[in-house]
N, C-alpha and C. Protein backbone atom coordinates (compact mmCIF):
# COMPACT_ATOMS: atom_id res chain seq x y z
N MET A 1 28.81 -3.06 -1.35
CA MET A 1 28.01 -3.12 -0.12
C MET A 1 27.41 -4.38 -0.07
N PRO A 2 27.46 -5.22 1.02
CA PRO A 2 26.80 -6.66 1.16
C PRO A 2 25.42 -6.43 1.31
N VAL A 3 24.68 -7.59 1.02
CA VAL A 3 23.39 -7.57 1.33
C VAL A 3 23.05 -7.70 2.75
N ARG A 4 22.24 -6.90 3.47
CA ARG A 4 22.10 -6.91 5.04
C ARG A 4 20.67 -7.00 5.26
N LYS A 5 20.27 -7.32 6.50
CA LYS A 5 18.98 -7.25 6.84
C LYS A 5 19.02 -6.30 8.18
N PHE A 6 18.07 -5.66 8.69
CA PHE A 6 17.97 -4.92 9.80
C PHE A 6 16.71 -5.15 10.70
N ALA A 7 16.78 -5.04 11.91
CA ALA A 7 15.84 -5.13 12.93
C ALA A 7 15.86 -3.78 13.68
N ILE A 8 14.62 -3.25 14.30
CA ILE A 8 14.69 -2.31 15.06
C ILE A 8 15.47 -2.08 16.13
N ALA A 9 15.98 -3.40 16.80
CA ALA A 9 17.06 -3.45 17.83
C ALA A 9 18.42 -2.88 17.29
N ASP A 10 18.66 -2.91 16.02
CA ASP A 10 19.85 -2.48 15.40
C ASP A 10 19.98 -1.02 15.43
N ALA A 11 18.75 -0.32 15.62
CA ALA A 11 18.91 1.16 15.40
C ALA A 11 19.54 1.80 16.68
N VAL A 12 20.21 2.86 16.40
CA VAL A 12 20.50 3.70 17.70
C VAL A 12 19.73 5.02 17.54
N PHE A 13 18.67 5.19 18.27
CA PHE A 13 17.83 6.42 18.14
C PHE A 13 18.31 7.52 18.76
N GLU A 14 18.06 8.70 18.03
CA GLU A 14 18.44 10.04 18.49
C GLU A 14 17.23 10.98 18.34
N ARG A 15 17.11 12.07 19.02
CA ARG A 15 15.97 12.91 18.80
C ARG A 15 15.99 13.47 17.29
N SER A 16 14.72 13.48 16.82
CA SER A 16 14.79 14.04 15.44
C SER A 16 15.15 15.51 15.39
N PRO A 17 16.12 15.72 14.39
CA PRO A 17 16.80 17.00 14.39
C PRO A 17 15.85 18.26 14.33
N GLY A 18 16.20 19.19 15.21
CA GLY A 18 15.28 20.50 15.36
C GLY A 18 14.06 20.22 15.96
N GLN A 19 13.82 18.99 16.73
CA GLN A 19 12.53 18.78 17.27
C GLN A 19 12.81 18.61 18.83
N ASP A 20 11.77 19.03 19.63
CA ASP A 20 11.93 18.76 21.08
C ASP A 20 10.87 17.77 21.68
N GLY A 21 10.02 17.10 20.75
CA GLY A 21 9.01 16.06 21.32
C GLY A 21 9.73 14.72 21.33
N ASP A 22 8.85 13.81 21.55
CA ASP A 22 9.10 12.55 21.72
C ASP A 22 9.14 11.81 20.29
N VAL A 23 10.06 12.29 19.31
CA VAL A 23 10.19 11.87 17.98
C VAL A 23 11.60 11.56 17.80
N PHE A 24 11.92 10.20 17.51
CA PHE A 24 13.24 9.73 17.36
C PHE A 24 13.56 9.14 16.16
N VAL A 25 14.69 9.24 15.53
CA VAL A 25 15.11 8.45 14.34
C VAL A 25 16.54 7.69 14.62
N GLY A 26 16.59 6.55 13.72
CA GLY A 26 17.88 5.87 13.95
C GLY A 26 18.17 5.33 12.61
N ASN A 27 19.16 6.02 11.85
CA ASN A 27 19.52 5.59 10.55
C ASN A 27 20.36 4.22 10.56
N LEU A 28 20.26 3.32 9.76
CA LEU A 28 21.01 2.14 9.70
C LEU A 28 21.94 2.02 8.50
N VAL A 29 21.58 2.82 7.36
CA VAL A 29 22.35 2.86 6.03
C VAL A 29 22.16 4.40 5.73
N ASP A 30 23.35 5.13 5.50
CA ASP A 30 23.26 6.42 5.05
C ASP A 30 24.52 6.66 4.47
N GLN A 31 24.94 7.99 4.05
CA GLN A 31 26.13 8.40 3.43
C GLN A 31 27.50 7.85 4.01
N ARG A 32 27.33 7.56 5.24
CA ARG A 32 28.68 6.94 5.73
C ARG A 32 29.03 5.46 5.26
N HIS A 33 27.93 4.99 4.66
CA HIS A 33 28.01 3.57 4.15
C HIS A 33 28.13 3.50 2.66
N GLY A 34 28.26 4.62 1.92
CA GLY A 34 28.38 4.54 0.44
C GLY A 34 27.19 4.44 -0.17
N ALA A 35 26.01 4.04 0.37
CA ALA A 35 24.64 3.79 -0.43
C ALA A 35 24.11 5.46 -0.94
N PRO A 36 23.33 5.38 -1.94
CA PRO A 36 22.54 6.51 -2.39
C PRO A 36 21.49 7.03 -1.59
N ILE A 37 20.89 6.04 -0.60
CA ILE A 37 19.71 6.13 0.18
C ILE A 37 20.07 6.06 1.58
N THR A 38 19.05 6.70 2.38
CA THR A 38 19.10 6.47 3.87
C THR A 38 17.99 5.66 4.16
N ILE A 39 18.40 4.69 5.03
CA ILE A 39 17.35 3.63 5.49
C ILE A 39 17.43 3.70 7.01
N GLY A 40 16.21 3.80 7.74
CA GLY A 40 16.22 3.67 9.20
C GLY A 40 14.79 3.47 9.76
N PHE A 41 14.73 3.61 11.00
CA PHE A 41 13.58 3.44 11.74
C PHE A 41 13.27 4.83 12.51
N GLY A 42 11.90 5.00 12.59
CA GLY A 42 11.32 6.16 13.54
C GLY A 42 10.50 5.75 14.54
N ARG A 43 10.55 6.52 15.66
CA ARG A 43 9.61 6.19 16.68
C ARG A 43 9.00 7.49 17.16
N TYR A 44 7.63 7.37 17.19
CA TYR A 44 6.77 8.69 17.69
C TYR A 44 6.03 8.15 18.93
N GLY A 45 6.19 9.20 19.93
CA GLY A 45 5.42 8.98 21.07
C GLY A 45 4.07 9.13 20.91
N PRO A 46 3.06 8.71 21.72
CA PRO A 46 1.60 8.96 21.83
C PRO A 46 1.32 10.49 21.44
N GLY A 47 0.63 10.82 20.48
CA GLY A 47 0.21 12.27 20.36
C GLY A 47 1.43 13.17 19.74
N GLN A 48 2.55 12.52 19.60
CA GLN A 48 3.83 13.55 19.25
C GLN A 48 3.81 13.68 17.64
N GLY A 49 4.63 14.59 17.19
CA GLY A 49 4.75 14.69 15.88
C GLY A 49 5.74 15.92 15.47
N LEU A 50 5.80 16.23 14.35
CA LEU A 50 6.72 17.14 13.86
C LEU A 50 6.07 18.02 12.71
N ASP A 51 6.63 19.13 12.54
CA ASP A 51 6.28 19.99 11.25
C ASP A 51 7.57 20.13 10.56
N GLU A 52 7.65 19.83 9.17
CA GLU A 52 8.71 19.81 8.33
C GLU A 52 8.48 20.08 7.05
N THR A 53 9.51 20.81 6.30
CA THR A 53 9.45 20.88 4.87
C THR A 53 10.38 19.88 4.46
N ILE A 54 9.84 18.87 3.87
CA ILE A 54 10.70 17.59 3.18
C ILE A 54 11.76 17.95 2.32
N ALA A 55 13.03 17.78 2.78
CA ALA A 55 14.16 18.16 1.97
C ALA A 55 14.63 17.10 0.99
N VAL A 56 14.07 15.88 1.03
CA VAL A 56 14.46 14.88 0.04
C VAL A 56 13.04 14.03 -0.08
N ASP A 57 13.30 13.16 -1.11
CA ASP A 57 12.00 12.27 -1.24
C ASP A 57 11.91 11.23 -0.21
N ASP A 58 10.95 11.09 0.60
CA ASP A 58 10.83 10.32 1.82
C ASP A 58 9.76 9.37 1.72
N VAL A 59 10.05 8.11 2.09
CA VAL A 59 9.00 6.96 2.05
C VAL A 59 8.95 6.48 3.40
N MET A 60 7.80 6.46 4.13
CA MET A 60 7.68 6.07 5.37
C MET A 60 6.68 4.82 5.35
N ILE A 61 7.17 3.75 6.12
CA ILE A 61 6.38 2.66 6.19
C ILE A 61 5.93 2.51 7.75
N VAL A 62 4.63 2.49 8.05
CA VAL A 62 4.13 2.26 9.40
C VAL A 62 4.15 0.74 9.72
N LEU A 63 4.94 0.62 10.88
CA LEU A 63 5.15 -0.79 11.36
C LEU A 63 4.19 -1.24 12.57
N GLU A 64 4.16 -0.16 13.17
CA GLU A 64 3.09 -0.29 14.49
C GLU A 64 2.41 1.09 14.65
N GLY A 65 1.13 1.05 15.20
CA GLY A 65 0.36 2.29 15.59
C GLY A 65 -0.30 3.02 14.39
N ARG A 66 -0.59 4.33 14.61
CA ARG A 66 -0.99 5.02 13.38
C ARG A 66 -0.46 6.51 13.38
N LEU A 67 -0.45 7.10 12.30
CA LEU A 67 0.04 8.44 12.06
C LEU A 67 -0.78 9.03 11.13
N SER A 68 -0.81 10.43 11.18
CA SER A 68 -1.48 11.21 10.08
C SER A 68 -0.48 12.25 9.60
N VAL A 69 -0.62 12.38 8.20
CA VAL A 69 0.50 13.23 7.66
C VAL A 69 -0.47 14.40 6.82
N SER A 70 -0.35 15.67 7.29
CA SER A 70 -1.10 16.76 6.61
C SER A 70 -0.19 17.65 5.77
N SER A 71 -0.70 17.91 4.69
CA SER A 71 -0.11 18.91 3.85
C SER A 71 -1.16 19.94 3.05
N GLU A 72 -0.75 20.63 2.29
CA GLU A 72 -1.63 21.51 1.67
C GLU A 72 -2.68 20.68 0.78
N ALA A 73 -2.43 19.58 0.46
CA ALA A 73 -3.19 18.64 -0.43
C ALA A 73 -4.29 17.93 0.38
N GLY A 74 -4.06 17.89 1.79
CA GLY A 74 -4.74 17.27 2.62
C GLY A 74 -4.27 16.44 3.59
N THR A 75 -4.95 15.45 4.26
CA THR A 75 -4.47 14.57 5.23
C THR A 75 -4.56 13.10 4.88
N VAL A 76 -3.68 12.33 5.14
CA VAL A 76 -3.66 10.97 4.98
C VAL A 76 -3.26 10.23 6.32
N THR A 77 -4.05 9.17 6.57
CA THR A 77 -3.81 8.52 7.84
C THR A 77 -3.32 7.05 7.54
N ALA A 78 -2.18 6.62 8.11
CA ALA A 78 -1.76 5.30 7.70
C ALA A 78 -1.60 4.48 9.10
N GLY A 79 -1.94 3.34 8.87
CA GLY A 79 -1.61 2.28 9.98
C GLY A 79 -0.62 1.15 9.64
N SER A 80 -0.44 0.29 10.49
CA SER A 80 0.40 -0.74 10.32
C SER A 80 0.30 -1.36 9.00
N GLY A 81 1.58 -1.62 8.14
CA GLY A 81 1.46 -2.17 6.86
C GLY A 81 1.14 -0.98 5.75
N GLU A 82 1.00 0.16 6.05
CA GLU A 82 0.77 1.16 4.99
C GLU A 82 1.91 2.01 4.78
N ILE A 83 2.01 2.59 3.68
CA ILE A 83 3.18 3.33 3.20
C ILE A 83 2.75 4.88 3.08
N VAL A 84 3.57 5.83 3.27
CA VAL A 84 3.41 7.26 2.86
C VAL A 84 4.46 7.67 2.24
N HIS A 85 4.25 8.44 0.93
CA HIS A 85 5.34 9.07 0.25
C HIS A 85 5.23 10.63 0.42
N MET A 86 6.29 11.19 0.90
CA MET A 86 6.23 12.55 0.97
C MET A 86 7.34 13.03 0.08
N PRO A 87 6.96 13.88 -1.01
CA PRO A 87 7.84 14.24 -1.94
C PRO A 87 8.71 15.46 -1.50
N LYS A 88 9.84 15.61 -2.02
CA LYS A 88 10.82 16.75 -1.66
C LYS A 88 10.03 18.13 -2.01
N GLY A 89 10.12 18.86 -0.91
CA GLY A 89 9.64 20.09 -1.14
C GLY A 89 8.26 20.36 -0.27
N ALA A 90 7.60 19.20 0.04
CA ALA A 90 6.24 19.29 0.58
C ALA A 90 6.16 19.84 2.13
N ALA A 91 5.62 20.61 2.47
CA ALA A 91 5.50 21.19 3.84
C ALA A 91 4.39 20.26 4.44
N VAL A 92 4.78 19.38 5.60
CA VAL A 92 3.98 18.32 6.19
C VAL A 92 3.96 18.65 7.79
N SER A 93 3.00 18.14 8.27
CA SER A 93 2.85 17.82 9.68
C SER A 93 2.52 16.43 9.87
N ILE A 94 3.43 15.77 10.61
CA ILE A 94 3.32 14.38 10.91
C ILE A 94 2.86 14.12 12.39
N ARG A 95 1.77 13.46 12.62
CA ARG A 95 1.30 13.34 14.02
C ARG A 95 0.95 11.91 14.30
N ALA A 96 1.37 11.45 15.40
CA ALA A 96 1.07 10.10 15.73
C ALA A 96 -0.21 10.20 16.55
N HIS A 97 -0.85 8.98 16.34
CA HIS A 97 -2.34 8.92 17.17
C HIS A 97 -1.97 8.60 18.62
N GLU A 98 -2.86 8.25 19.32
CA GLU A 98 -2.98 7.88 20.84
C GLU A 98 -1.91 6.88 21.18
N GLU A 99 -1.76 5.89 20.17
CA GLU A 99 -0.95 4.67 20.53
C GLU A 99 0.53 4.98 20.28
N GLY A 100 0.76 5.96 19.44
CA GLY A 100 2.17 6.26 18.95
C GLY A 100 2.37 5.56 17.74
N ALA A 101 3.64 5.41 17.24
CA ALA A 101 3.93 4.87 15.89
C ALA A 101 5.41 4.48 15.89
N VAL A 102 5.61 3.28 15.17
CA VAL A 102 6.94 2.80 14.88
C VAL A 102 6.89 2.84 13.23
N THR A 103 8.01 3.32 12.62
CA THR A 103 8.00 3.57 11.21
C THR A 103 9.36 3.04 10.61
N ALA A 104 9.44 2.76 9.44
CA ALA A 104 10.69 2.35 8.70
C ALA A 104 10.74 3.63 7.65
N TYR A 105 11.94 3.99 7.28
CA TYR A 105 11.97 5.04 6.20
C TYR A 105 12.90 4.89 5.42
N VAL A 106 12.86 5.23 3.99
CA VAL A 106 13.90 5.45 3.06
C VAL A 106 13.73 6.73 2.38
N THR A 107 14.92 7.43 2.38
CA THR A 107 15.14 8.69 1.87
C THR A 107 16.05 8.65 0.55
N TYR A 108 15.82 9.46 -0.37
CA TYR A 108 16.65 9.71 -1.51
C TYR A 108 16.77 11.19 -1.68
N PRO A 109 17.87 11.81 -1.76
CA PRO A 109 19.04 11.34 -1.36
C PRO A 109 19.28 11.47 0.25
N HIS A 110 20.26 11.59 0.88
CA HIS A 110 20.51 11.46 2.28
C HIS A 110 19.71 12.57 2.97
N TRP A 111 18.89 12.37 4.01
CA TRP A 111 18.18 13.48 4.67
C TRP A 111 19.05 14.22 5.48
N GLN A 112 20.08 13.76 6.15
CA GLN A 112 21.05 14.55 7.03
C GLN A 112 21.92 15.41 6.16
N GLU A 113 22.24 14.96 5.06
CA GLU A 113 23.00 16.02 4.05
C GLU A 113 22.18 17.11 3.50
N ALA A 114 20.96 16.91 3.33
CA ALA A 114 20.03 17.80 2.78
C ALA A 114 19.78 18.81 3.88
N ARG A 115 19.66 18.50 5.08
CA ARG A 115 19.40 19.39 6.19
C ARG A 115 20.70 20.26 6.56
N ASP A 116 21.86 19.75 6.29
CA ASP A 116 22.92 20.61 6.64
C ASP A 116 23.15 21.77 5.73
């Protein structure tokens, strides 16, 4: 696999699986590319979010806006330039603040395969 760089314009966004809100994901590297990880961008509309039990180890980097991630351990709020790690098995509620949020993510292993 060659060294590559990505911009948000490279992502093809689709509604986050199982969600009906304004939450979208766009994988750029995943199982189709032979990599052991998934890399992509996420987009959350203002006040939008999702509730999920994390099926893989998930690292989310906030690029724009702010969001809060709540779990049984409490709530963390992250803004531009901050990173949130959500370990496999954590039941989380992710909510964007009033300005919405744009994120980059890395998961191990592939989140699509773990959901299937």
